[in-house]
C-alpha atoms as a PDB file:
ATOM      1  CA  MET A   1      14.371-201.649 141.741  1.00  0.00           C
ATOM      2  CA  ALA A   2      11.477-200.169 139.805  1.00  0.00           C
ATOM      3  CA  THR A   3      12.554-198.060 137.036  1.00  0.00           C
ATOM      4  CA  THR A   4      10.410-194.637 135.732  1.00  0.00           C
ATOM      5  CA  ALA A   5       9.590-194.481 132.450  1.00  0.00           C
ATOM      6  CA  PRO A   6      10.378-191.619 130.497  1.00  0.00           C
ATOM      7  CA  SER A   7       7.600-188.601 130.156  1.00  0.00           C
ATOM      8  CA  THR A   8       6.608-188.183 126.776  1.00  0.00           C
ATOM      9  CA  ALA A   9       3.693-186.016 124.742  1.00  0.00           C
ATOM     10  CA  SER A  10       1.771-189.368 124.022  1.00  0.00           C
ATOM     11  CA  GLY A  11       3.324-191.797 126.807  1.00  0.00           C
ATOM     12  CA  PRO A  12       5.284-194.483 127.057  1.00  0.00           C
ATOM     13  CA  ALA A  13       5.530-196.815 123.632  1.00  0.00           C
ATOM     14  CA  SER A  14       4.284-199.731 125.119  1.00  0.00           C
ATOM     15  CA  GLY A  15       1.041-198.620 124.301  1.00  0.00           C
ATOM     16  CA  PRO A  16      -0.630-197.521 120.614  1.00  0.00           C
ATOM     17  CA  VAL A  17       0.674-194.683 119.195  1.00  0.00           C
ATOM     18  CA  GLN A  18      -1.653-191.989 118.875  1.00  0.00           C
ATOM     19  CA  GLY A  19       0.370-190.127 116.330  1.00  0.00           C
ATOM     20  CA  PRO A  20       0.768-186.285 115.324  1.00  0.00           C
ATOM     21  CA  SER A  21      -2.404-184.077 116.189  1.00  0.00           C
ATOM     22  CA  ARG A  22      -2.413-181.069 113.681  1.00  0.00           C
ATOM     23  CA  GLY A  23      -5.084-179.320 115.910  1.00  0.00           C
ATOM     24  CA  GLU A  24      -8.832-178.270 114.805  1.00  0.00           C
ATOM     25  CA  GLY A  25      -9.514-179.750 110.974  1.00  0.00           C
ATOM     26  CA  SER A  26      -6.942-182.595 111.395  1.00  0.00           C
ATOM     27  CA  ALA A  27      -5.056-183.544 108.235  1.00  0.00           C
ATOM     28  CA  THR A  28      -6.109-186.394 106.619  1.00  0.00           C
ATOM     29  CA  THR A  29      -3.806-189.629 107.907  1.00  0.00           C
ATOM     30  CA  LEU A  30      -2.087-190.501 104.411  1.00  0.00           C
ATOM     31  CA  LEU A  31       0.406-193.674 105.832  1.00  0.00           C
ATOM     32  CA  ASN A  32      -1.046-195.625 108.577  1.00  0.00           C
ATOM     33  CA  VAL A  33       1.368-197.938 109.978  1.00  0.00           C
ATOM     34  CA  ASN A  34      -0.103-200.743 112.764  1.00  0.00           C
ATOM     35  CA  GLY A  35       1.896-203.055 114.406  1.00  0.00           C
ATOM     36  CA  ILE A  36       4.327-204.478 111.786  1.00  0.00           C
ATOM     37  CA  GLU A  37       6.930-206.994 112.340  1.00  0.00           C
ATOM     38  CA  VAL A  38       9.240-207.738 109.784  1.00  0.00           C
ATOM     39  CA  ILE A  39      11.924-210.947 109.308  1.00  0.00           C
ATOM     40  CA  TYR A  40      14.372-211.394 107.194  1.00  0.00           C
ATOM     41  CA  ASN A  41      15.870-214.871 105.841  1.00  0.00           C
ATOM     42  CA  HIS A  42      12.308-216.401 108.147  1.00  0.00           C
ATOM     43  CA  VAL A  43      14.307-216.157 111.548  1.00  0.00           C
ATOM     44  CA  ILE A  44      16.044-212.856 112.316  1.00  0.00           C
ATOM     45  CA  LEU A  45      13.338-210.418 113.783  1.00  0.00           C
ATOM     46  CA  VAL A  46      13.421-206.829 112.958  1.00  0.00           C
ATOM     47  CA  LEU A  47      10.998-204.770 113.709  1.00  0.00           C
ATOM     48  CA  LYS A  48       8.342-206.095 116.566  1.00  0.00           C
ATOM     49  CA  GLY A  49       5.463-204.139 116.356  1.00  0.00           C
ATOM     50  CA  VAL A  50       6.214-200.865 115.224  1.00  0.00           C
ATOM     51  CA  SER A  51       3.109-198.531 114.778  1.00  0.00           C
ATOM     52  CA  LEU A  52       3.289-195.192 112.880  1.00  0.00           C
ATOM     53  CA  VAL A  53       0.702-192.193 111.551  1.00  0.00           C
ATOM     54  CA  VAL A  54       1.603-189.636 108.600  1.00  0.00           C
ATOM     55  CA  PRO A  55      -0.416-186.724 108.224  1.00  0.00           C
ATOM     56  CA  GLU A  56      -0.746-185.454 104.471  1.00  0.00           C
ATOM     57  CA  GLY A  57       1.826-182.527 104.343  1.00  0.00           C
ATOM     58  CA  GLY A  58       3.419-183.529 107.545  1.00  0.00           C
ATOM     59  CA  ILE A  59       7.300-183.824 107.949  1.00  0.00           C
ATOM     60  CA  VAL A  60       7.946-186.552 110.541  1.00  0.00           C
ATOM     61  CA  ALA A  61      10.868-188.160 111.458  1.00  0.00           C
ATOM     62  CA  LEU A  62      11.676-191.832 112.013  1.00  0.00           C
ATOM     63  CA  LEU A  63      15.068-191.522 114.472  1.00  0.00           C
ATOM     64  CA  GLY A  64      16.957-193.639 116.343  1.00  0.00           C
ATOM     65  CA  GLY A  65      20.960-195.607 116.004  1.00  0.00           C
ATOM     66  CA  ASN A  66      22.499-197.456 113.419  1.00  0.00           C
ATOM     67  CA  GLY A  67      20.580-200.777 113.131  1.00  0.00           C
ATOM     68  CA  ALA A  68      17.350-199.379 115.245  1.00  0.00           C
ATOM     69  CA  GLY A  69      14.944-200.290 112.872  1.00  0.00           C
ATOM     70  CA  LYS A  70      14.267-197.086 110.171  1.00  0.00           C
ATOM     71  CA  THR A  71      15.230-198.317 107.061  1.00  0.00           C
ATOM     72  CA  THR A  72      14.059-201.264 107.408  1.00  0.00           C
ATOM     73  CA  THR A  73      10.228-199.358 107.994  1.00  0.00           C
ATOM     74  CA  LEU A  74      11.141-197.496 105.048  1.00  0.00           C
ATOM     75  CA  ARG A  75      11.402-200.896 102.990  1.00  0.00           C
ATOM     76  CA  ALA A  76       9.157-202.058 104.311  1.00  0.00           C
ATOM     77  CA  VAL A  77       6.519-199.023 103.446  1.00  0.00           C
ATOM     78  CA  SER A  78       7.684-198.958 100.117  1.00  0.00           C
ATOM     79  CA  ASN A  79       8.130-202.830  99.742  1.00  0.00           C
ATOM     80  CA  LEU A  80      11.383-203.188  99.250  1.00  0.00           C
ATOM     81  CA  LEU A  81      12.037-206.026 101.310  1.00  0.00           C
ATOM     82  CA  ALA A  82      11.887-208.656  99.170  1.00  0.00           C
ATOM     83  CA  GLY A  83      15.091-208.312  97.436  1.00  0.00           C
ATOM     84  CA  GLU A  84      16.928-208.222 101.344  1.00  0.00           C
ATOM     85  CA  ARG A  85      15.312-211.342 101.625  1.00  0.00           C
ATOM     86  CA  GLY A  86      12.520-209.581 104.000  1.00  0.00           C
ATOM     87  CA  ALA A  87       8.619-209.949 104.745  1.00  0.00           C
ATOM     88  CA  VAL A  88       6.059-207.844 106.594  1.00  0.00           C
ATOM     89  CA  THR A  89       4.900-210.788 108.927  1.00  0.00           C
ATOM     90  CA  LYS A  90       2.516-209.274 111.086  1.00  0.00           C
ATOM     91  CA  GLY A  91       0.145-205.645 110.940  1.00  0.00           C
ATOM     92  CA  SER A  92      -0.880-203.526 107.915  1.00  0.00           C
ATOM     93  CA  ILE A  93      -0.324-200.657 106.038  1.00  0.00           C
ATOM     94  CA  GLU A  94      -2.194-198.681 104.231  1.00  0.00           C
ATOM     95  CA  LEU A  95      -2.241-195.528 101.779  1.00  0.00           C
ATOM     96  CA  ARG A  96      -4.735-193.712 102.065  1.00  0.00           C
ATOM     97  CA  GLY A  97      -7.166-196.438 103.759  1.00  0.00           C
ATOM     98  CA  GLU A  98      -5.786-198.903 100.926  1.00  0.00           C
ATOM     99  CA  ARG A  99      -3.675-201.889 101.807  1.00  0.00           C
ATOM    100  CA  ILE A 100      -0.196-201.544 100.206  1.00  0.00           C
ATOM    101  CA  GLU A 101       1.778-204.354 101.857  1.00  0.00           C
ATOM    102  CA  ALA A 102       0.656-206.694  98.166  1.00  0.00           C
ATOM    103  CA  LEU A 103       1.506-203.430  95.842  1.00  0.00           C
ATOM    104  CA  SER A 104       5.097-203.577  93.927  1.00  0.00           C
ATOM    105  CA  PRO A 105       7.769-200.942  94.493  1.00  0.00           C
ATOM    106  CA  SER A 106       6.547-199.710  90.798  1.00  0.00           C
ATOM    107  CA  GLU A 107       2.655-199.561  91.534  1.00  0.00           C
ATOM    108  CA  LEU A 108       3.259-197.209  94.505  1.00  0.00           C
ATOM    109  CA  VAL A 109       5.592-194.691  92.637  1.00  0.00           C
ATOM    110  CA  LYS A 110       2.256-194.413  90.252  1.00  0.00           C
ATOM    111  CA  ARG A 111       0.001-194.076  93.589  1.00  0.00           C
ATOM    112  CA  GLY A 112       2.378-191.345  94.362  1.00  0.00           C
ATOM    113  CA  LEU A 113       4.652-192.524  97.262  1.00  0.00           C
ATOM    114  CA  ILE A 114       8.748-192.942  96.418  1.00  0.00           C
ATOM    115  CA  GLN A 115      12.125-194.289  98.416  1.00  0.00           C
ATOM    116  CA  VAL A 116      15.011-192.228  98.065  1.00  0.00           C
ATOM    117  CA  MET A 117      17.616-194.665  99.194  1.00  0.00           C
ATOM    118  CA  GLU A 118      20.181-194.433 101.671  1.00  0.00           C
ATOM    119  CA  GLY A 119      23.511-193.940 100.228  1.00  0.00           C
ATOM    120  CA  ARG A 120      22.960-191.344  97.197  1.00  0.00           C
ATOM    121  CA  HIS A 121      22.034-194.125  95.057  1.00  0.00           C
ATOM    122  CA  CYS A 122      22.741-192.600  91.604  1.00  0.00           C
ATOM    123  CA  PHE A 123      23.666-194.271  87.929  1.00  0.00           C
ATOM    124  CA  ALA A 124      27.142-193.297  87.853  1.00  0.00           C
ATOM    125  CA  HIS A 125      27.623-193.348  83.708  1.00  0.00           C
ATOM    126  CA  LEU A 126      24.593-190.834  83.238  1.00  0.00           C
ATOM    127  CA  THR A 127      24.274-187.434  83.696  1.00  0.00           C
ATOM    128  CA  ILE A 128      22.839-185.747  86.227  1.00  0.00           C
ATOM    129  CA  GLU A 129      20.288-184.777  83.950  1.00  0.00           C
ATOM    130  CA  ASP A 130      19.788-188.028  82.580  1.00  0.00           C
ATOM    131  CA  ASN A 131      19.619-189.511  85.939  1.00  0.00           C
ATOM    132  CA  LEU A 132      17.202-187.065  87.032  1.00  0.00           C
ATOM    133  CA  MET A 133      15.191-187.830  83.624  1.00  0.00           C
ATOM    134  CA  THR A 134      15.006-192.039  84.404  1.00  0.00           C
ATOM    135  CA  GLY A 135      12.654-190.136  88.205  1.00  0.00           C
ATOM    136  CA  ALA A 136       9.626-190.066  85.318  1.00  0.00           C
ATOM    137  CA  TYR A 137      10.064-193.053  84.256  1.00  0.00           C
ATOM    138  CA  THR A 138       6.422-193.926  85.203  1.00  0.00           C
ATOM    139  CA  ARG A 139       4.648-190.453  84.285  1.00  0.00           C
ATOM    140  CA  THR A 140       1.995-190.931  81.335  1.00  0.00           C
ATOM    141  CA  ASP A 141       1.186-186.755  81.478  1.00  0.00           C
ATOM    142  CA  GLY A 142       3.143-185.883  78.560  1.00  0.00           C
ATOM    143  CA  LYS A 143       6.458-184.112  77.942  1.00  0.00           C
ATOM    144  CA  ALA A 144       5.618-180.868  78.635  1.00  0.00           C
ATOM    145  CA  ALA A 145       4.538-181.770  82.304  1.00  0.00           C
ATOM    146  CA  ILE A 146       7.603-183.640  82.381  1.00  0.00           C
ATOM    147  CA  ALA A 147       9.962-180.666  81.644  1.00  0.00           C
ATOM    148  CA  GLU A 148       7.986-178.421  83.729  1.00  0.00           C
ATOM    149  CA  THR A 149       8.969-180.460  86.834  1.00  0.00           C
ATOM    150  CA  LEU A 150      12.369-181.008  85.727  1.00  0.00           C
ATOM    151  CA  GLU A 151      12.035-177.120  85.768  1.00  0.00           C
ATOM    152  CA  LYS A 152      10.748-177.050  89.300  1.00  0.00           C
ATOM    153  CA  VAL A 153      13.785-179.303  90.161  1.00  0.00           C
ATOM    154  CA  TYR A 154      16.437-176.879  88.687  1.00  0.00           C
ATOM    155  CA  ALA A 155      15.083-174.498  90.521  1.00  0.00           C
ATOM    156  CA  TYR A 156      15.126-175.917  94.144  1.00  0.00           C
ATOM    157  CA  PHE A 157      18.839-177.720  93.085  1.00  0.00           C
ATOM    158  CA  PRO A 158      20.297-174.525  91.277  1.00  0.00           C
ATOM    159  CA  ARG A 159      23.564-176.959  92.068  1.00  0.00           C
ATOM    160  CA  LEU A 160      22.318-179.296  89.521  1.00  0.00           C
ATOM    161  CA  LYS A 161      21.032-177.694  87.137  1.00  0.00           C
ATOM    162  CA  THR A 162      24.905-176.363  86.490  1.00  0.00           C
ATOM    163  CA  ARG A 163      26.236-179.554  86.562  1.00  0.00           C
ATOM    164  CA  ARG A 164      23.420-180.769  84.233  1.00  0.00           C
ATOM    165  CA  SER A 165      26.048-182.357  81.600  1.00  0.00           C
ATOM    166  CA  SER A 166      28.261-183.813  84.107  1.00  0.00           C
ATOM    167  CA  GLN A 167      28.242-187.836  84.888  1.00  0.00           C
ATOM    168  CA  ALA A 168      27.049-188.399  88.459  1.00  0.00           C
ATOM    169  CA  ALA A 169      30.290-189.919  89.232  1.00  0.00           C
ATOM    170  CA  TYR A 170      32.266-186.901  89.272  1.00  0.00           C
ATOM    171  CA  THR A 171      30.297-184.912  91.058  1.00  0.00           C
ATOM    172  CA  SER A 172      30.286-184.004  95.263  1.00  0.00           C
ATOM    173  CA  GLY A 173      28.193-186.023  97.651  1.00  0.00           C
ATOM    174  CA  GLY A 174      26.342-183.489  98.731  1.00  0.00           C
ATOM    175  CA  GLU A 175      25.360-183.394  94.892  1.00  0.00           C
ATOM    176  CA  GLN A 176      24.516-186.983  94.371  1.00  0.00           C
ATOM    177  CA  GLN A 177      22.023-185.912  97.357  1.00  0.00           C
ATOM    178  CA  MET A 178      20.344-183.877  95.655  1.00  0.00           C
ATOM    179  CA  CYS A 179      20.533-185.961  92.298  1.00  0.00           C
ATOM    180  CA  ALA A 180      18.913-188.587  94.446  1.00  0.00           C
ATOM    181  CA  ILE A 181      15.959-186.023  95.837  1.00  0.00           C
ATOM    182  CA  GLY A 182      15.478-184.556  92.168  1.00  0.00           C
ATOM    183  CA  ARG A 183      14.962-187.762  90.398  1.00  0.00           C
ATOM    184  CA  ALA A 184      12.175-188.836  93.523  1.00  0.00           C
ATOM    185  CA  LEU A 185      10.317-185.356  92.514  1.00  0.00           C
ATOM    186  CA  MET A 186      10.653-186.646  88.916  1.00  0.00           C
ATOM    187  CA  ALA A 187       7.376-189.007  89.946  1.00  0.00           C
ATOM    188  CA  ASN A 188       5.627-186.228  91.124  1.00  0.00           C
ATOM    189  CA  PRO A 189       5.224-187.670  94.015  1.00  0.00           C
ATOM    190  CA  ASN A 190       2.542-187.033  96.936  1.00  0.00           C
ATOM    191  CA  MET A 191       4.929-188.483  99.764  1.00  0.00           C
ATOM    192  CA  VAL A 192       8.765-189.113  99.877  1.00  0.00           C
ATOM    193  CA  LEU A 193      10.416-191.744 102.500  1.00  0.00           C
ATOM    194  CA  LEU A 194      13.549-190.491 102.456  1.00  0.00           C
ATOM    195  CA  ASP A 195      16.620-192.553 104.104  1.00  0.00           C
ATOM    196  CA  GLU A 196      19.620-190.897 105.644  1.00  0.00           C
ATOM    197  CA  PRO A 197      19.760-187.935 103.943  1.00  0.00           C
ATOM    198  CA  SER A 198      22.738-186.013 105.934  1.00  0.00           C
ATOM    199  CA  MET A 199      24.777-189.240 106.047  1.00  0.00           C
ATOM    200  CA  GLY A 200      28.693-188.039 105.101  1.00  0.00           C
ATOM    201  CA  LEU A 201      27.357-184.590 104.527  1.00  0.00           C
ATOM    202  CA  ALA A 202      28.936-181.809 105.278  1.00  0.00           C
ATOM    203  CA  PRO A 203      27.094-179.674 107.914  1.00  0.00           C
ATOM    204  CA  GLN A 204      26.534-176.711 105.661  1.00  0.00           C
ATOM    205  CA  ILE A 205      25.219-179.433 102.690  1.00  0.00           C
ATOM    206  CA  VAL A 206      23.117-181.094 105.479  1.00  0.00           C
ATOM    207  CA  ASP A 207      21.647-177.667 106.642  1.00  0.00           C
ATOM    208  CA  GLU A 208      20.918-177.059 102.576  1.00  0.00           C
ATOM    209  CA  VAL A 209      18.670-180.572 101.847  1.00  0.00           C
ATOM    210  CA  PHE A 210      17.071-180.546 105.016  1.00  0.00           C
ATOM    211  CA  GLY A 211      16.245-176.552 104.259  1.00  0.00           C
ATOM    212  CA  ILE A 212      15.244-177.629 100.603  1.00  0.00           C
ATOM    213  CA  VAL A 213      12.669-180.334 102.028  1.00  0.00           C
ATOM    214  CA  LYS A 214      11.316-178.169 104.327  1.00  0.00           C
ATOM    215  CA  ASP A 215      10.354-175.619 100.990  1.00  0.00           C
ATOM    216  CA  LEU A 216       8.828-178.546  98.960  1.00  0.00           C
ATOM    217  CA  ASN A 217       6.679-179.887 102.294  1.00  0.00           C
ATOM    218  CA  GLU A 218       5.528-175.793 102.234  1.00  0.00           C
ATOM    219  CA  LYS A 219       5.283-174.835  98.438  1.00  0.00           C
ATOM    220  CA  GLU A 220       4.641-178.284  96.581  1.00  0.00           C
ATOM    221  CA  LYS A 221       3.051-179.585  99.655  1.00  0.00           C
ATOM    222  CA  VAL A 222       4.670-182.830  99.630  1.00  0.00           C
ATOM    223  CA  THR A 223       4.682-184.880 102.874  1.00  0.00           C
ATOM    224  CA  PHE A 224       7.815-186.670 103.738  1.00  0.00           C
ATOM    225  CA  LEU A 225       8.329-189.683 106.246  1.00  0.00           C
ATOM    226  CA  LEU A 226      12.147-189.412 106.952  1.00  0.00           C
ATOM    227  CA  ALA A 227      14.725-191.424 108.848  1.00  0.00           C
ATOM    228  CA  GLU A 228      17.555-189.940 110.285  1.00  0.00           C
ATOM    229  CA  GLN A 229      20.661-190.739 112.756  1.00  0.00           C
ATOM    230  CA  ASN A 230      20.639-186.924 113.005  1.00  0.00           C
ATOM    231  CA  THR A 231      18.507-186.407 115.614  1.00  0.00           C
ATOM    232  CA  ASN A 232      18.865-182.496 116.105  1.00  0.00           C
ATOM    233  CA  MET A 233      18.782-181.943 112.620  1.00  0.00           C
ATOM    234  CA  ALA A 234      15.914-183.789 112.365  1.00  0.00           C
ATOM    235  CA  LEU A 235      14.066-182.239 115.396  1.00  0.00           C
ATOM    236  CA  ARG A 236      14.632-178.565 113.998  1.00  0.00           C
ATOM    237  CA  TYR A 237      12.334-179.507 110.337  1.00  0.00           C
ATOM    238  CA  ALA A 238       9.919-182.097 111.279  1.00  0.00           C
ATOM    239  CA  ASP A 239       6.702-182.012 112.884  1.00  0.00           C
ATOM    240  CA  TYR A 240       6.250-184.984 114.578  1.00  0.00           C
ATOM    241  CA  GLY A 241       8.907-187.937 115.700  1.00  0.00           C
ATOM    242  CA  TYR A 242       9.094-191.625 116.844  1.00  0.00           C
ATOM    243  CA  ILE A 243      12.305-192.932 118.192  1.00  0.00           C
ATOM    244  CA  LEU A 244      13.298-196.430 117.357  1.00  0.00           C
ATOM    245  CA  GLU A 245      15.144-198.640 119.440  1.00  0.00           C
ATOM    246  CA  ASN A 246      15.674-202.467 119.154  1.00  0.00           C
ATOM    247  CA  GLY A 247      12.804-202.761 116.383  1.00  0.00           C
ATOM    248  CA  ARG A 248      10.514-200.844 118.720  1.00  0.00           C
ATOM    249  CA  ILE A 249       8.870-197.434 119.175  1.00  0.00           C
ATOM    250  CA  VAL A 250       9.957-196.535 122.694  1.00  0.00           C
ATOM    251  CA  MET A 251       8.788-192.559 122.290  1.00  0.00           C
ATOM    252  CA  ASP A 252       7.050-190.432 119.676  1.00  0.00           C
ATOM    253  CA  GLY A 253       6.189-186.885 120.581  1.00  0.00           C
ATOM    254  CA  GLU A 254       5.385-183.401 118.422  1.00  0.00           C
ATOM    255  CA  ALA A 255       9.123-182.037 117.830  1.00  0.00           C
ATOM    256  CA  LYS A 256       9.068-179.703 119.914  1.00  0.00           C
ATOM    257  CA  SER A 257       8.132-181.846 122.597  1.00  0.00           C
ATOM    258  CA  LEU A 258      11.182-184.146 122.471  1.00  0.00           C
ATOM    259  CA  ARG A 259      13.337-180.910 121.466  1.00  0.00           C
ATOM    260  CA  GLU A 260      12.381-180.638 125.462  1.00  0.00           C
ATOM    261  CA  ASN A 261      12.553-184.380 126.770  1.00  0.00           C
ATOM    262  CA  GLU A 262      15.203-184.554 129.589  1.00  0.00           C
ATOM    263  CA  ASP A 263      16.132-188.592 128.297  1.00  0.00           C
ATOM    264  CA  VAL A 264      15.585-187.132 124.547  1.00  0.00           C
ATOM    265  CA  LYS A 265      18.619-184.465 125.747  1.00  0.00           C
ATOM    266  CA  GLU A 266      20.904-187.003 127.049  1.00  0.00           C
ATOM    267  CA  PHE A 267      20.141-190.154 124.921  1.00  0.00           C
ATOM    268  CA  TYR A 268      20.156-188.780 121.021  1.00  0.00           C
ATOM    269  CA  LEU A 269      21.295-184.310 121.221  1.00  0.00           C
ATOM    270  CA  GLY A 270      24.210-185.143 123.649  1.00  0.00           C
ATOM    271  CA  VAL A 271      23.466-182.573 125.892  1.00  0.00           C
ATOM    272  CA  GLY A 272      21.958-183.028 129.508  1.00  0.00           C
ATOM    273  CA  GLY A 273      23.229-185.906 132.242  1.00  0.00           C
ATOM    274  CA  GLY A 274      26.563-184.283 133.675  1.00  0.00           C
ATOM    275  CA  ASP A 275      28.942-185.800 134.304  1.00  0.00           C
ATOM    276  CA  ARG A 276      28.849-189.599 135.461  1.00  0.00           C
ATOM    277  CA  LYS A 277      31.910-190.063 138.079  1.00  0.00           C
ATOM    278  CA  SER A 278      30.615-192.886 140.601  1.00  0.00           C
ATOM    279  CA  PHE A 279      29.362-196.048 139.942  1.00  0.00           C
ATOM    280  CA  ARG A 280      26.196-195.106 141.341  1.00  0.00           C
ATOM    281  CA  ASP A 281      25.666-192.904 138.473  1.00  0.00           C
ATOM    282  CA  VAL A 282      26.317-195.077 136.117  1.00  0.00           C
ATOM    283  CA  LYS A 283      23.977-197.600 137.717  1.00  0.00           C
ATOM    284  CA  SER A 284      21.578-194.509 138.162  1.00  0.00           C
ATOM    285  CA  TYR A 285      21.823-194.175 133.979  1.00  0.00           C
ATOM    286  CA  LYS A 286      21.615-197.622 133.692  1.00  0.00           C
ATOM    287  CA  ARG A 287      18.454-197.850 134.984  1.00  0.00           C
ATOM    288  CA  ARG A 288      17.023-194.723 133.226  1.00  0.00           C
ATOM    289  CA  LYS A 289      18.197-196.426 130.113  1.00  0.00           C
ATOM    290  CA  ARG A 290      16.244-199.643 130.223  1.00  0.00           C
ATOM    291  CA  TRP A 291      13.083-198.172 129.009  1.00  0.00           C
ATOM    292  CA  LEU A 292      15.007-198.132 125.631  1.00  0.00           C
ATOM    293  CA  ALA A 293      15.967-202.272 125.743  1.00  0.00           C
END
C-alpha cells in the first residue's frame, strides 16, 4: 500500500533543503551545511546527507529524539568530532561562504562561532566569574572590552552576578547552564551552537533560559543554532526548524508551520492522533510514521 508523505512548509526532505526565507531583503546566510555525512570509528554512519541553512541574526532549531543526530551535527559544525573518533566524510560546511571543515575549534571561536556543549560543562572547582572569564581567553581587544562584556553577561544573567564568587560545583543546574551560555558570550561570538539547553532543568528555568536566548538574538544580534528534544519549547522561540530522524533531515519549515503540522503535533508535540485502540489504527499509524524511517 502506498504511503503518503507528510506535507511540510518546504516539502519532504528527500530533495534539497531550501532553508529559511527571511522575506524581502533576506538576511545573509551565515552557516551553510551541505549534504554532510559523518562516520564514527571509520564504520558507523551517523549523519546521512544532512543539509541546513542558518541566516545571520536568526534562531534555527534542530529537532528530533535522542540519537537522531542533533549533537553530531553541531559537533561537525564546530569541528569537535575528532575527540569522539568521528569525521565528516562527505559534503561541505561553510561559514560566511568559507569552508571550515579543516579549521580547529579555537580558530572557529576567533571567527565568532562557539558551541555550548550538552550537559552544562563548567569547571567545577572555579568560581562562576572565573568560569565566565575563561570564555574570553582568545580575545585580544583589551581588558576594558572584556570587563564590559562581563557586565553585559551579568545584566542578562543577574543570578550569576549574585553567585559570582561561588564555586560552580555548588550552584544549581540552571545556574550552571546560564554560566555555560555566559561563558560562550564572553568570547563575543556572532553565532552560538546550543546543545540541549533544556536538559535536566525545571520548566520555569527552561522558560528563563529560552527567554534570554531570544533577548540575546534580538538585542545583541547573536545567531543561534540550537539542538533540542523539547520541540514545543524550541518552536516557540525559533524562526525556523529542521527535524532529524536516524541521521537524516525529514522535515523543515518555518517554526509556525511546523507547530501547526499534524504529523509534528502527533509525533513530536504529543497532541492529535486520538486513541489508537484497533489494530487497523495501529497499522495506519505505522504507515504514517514510515516517512521518518
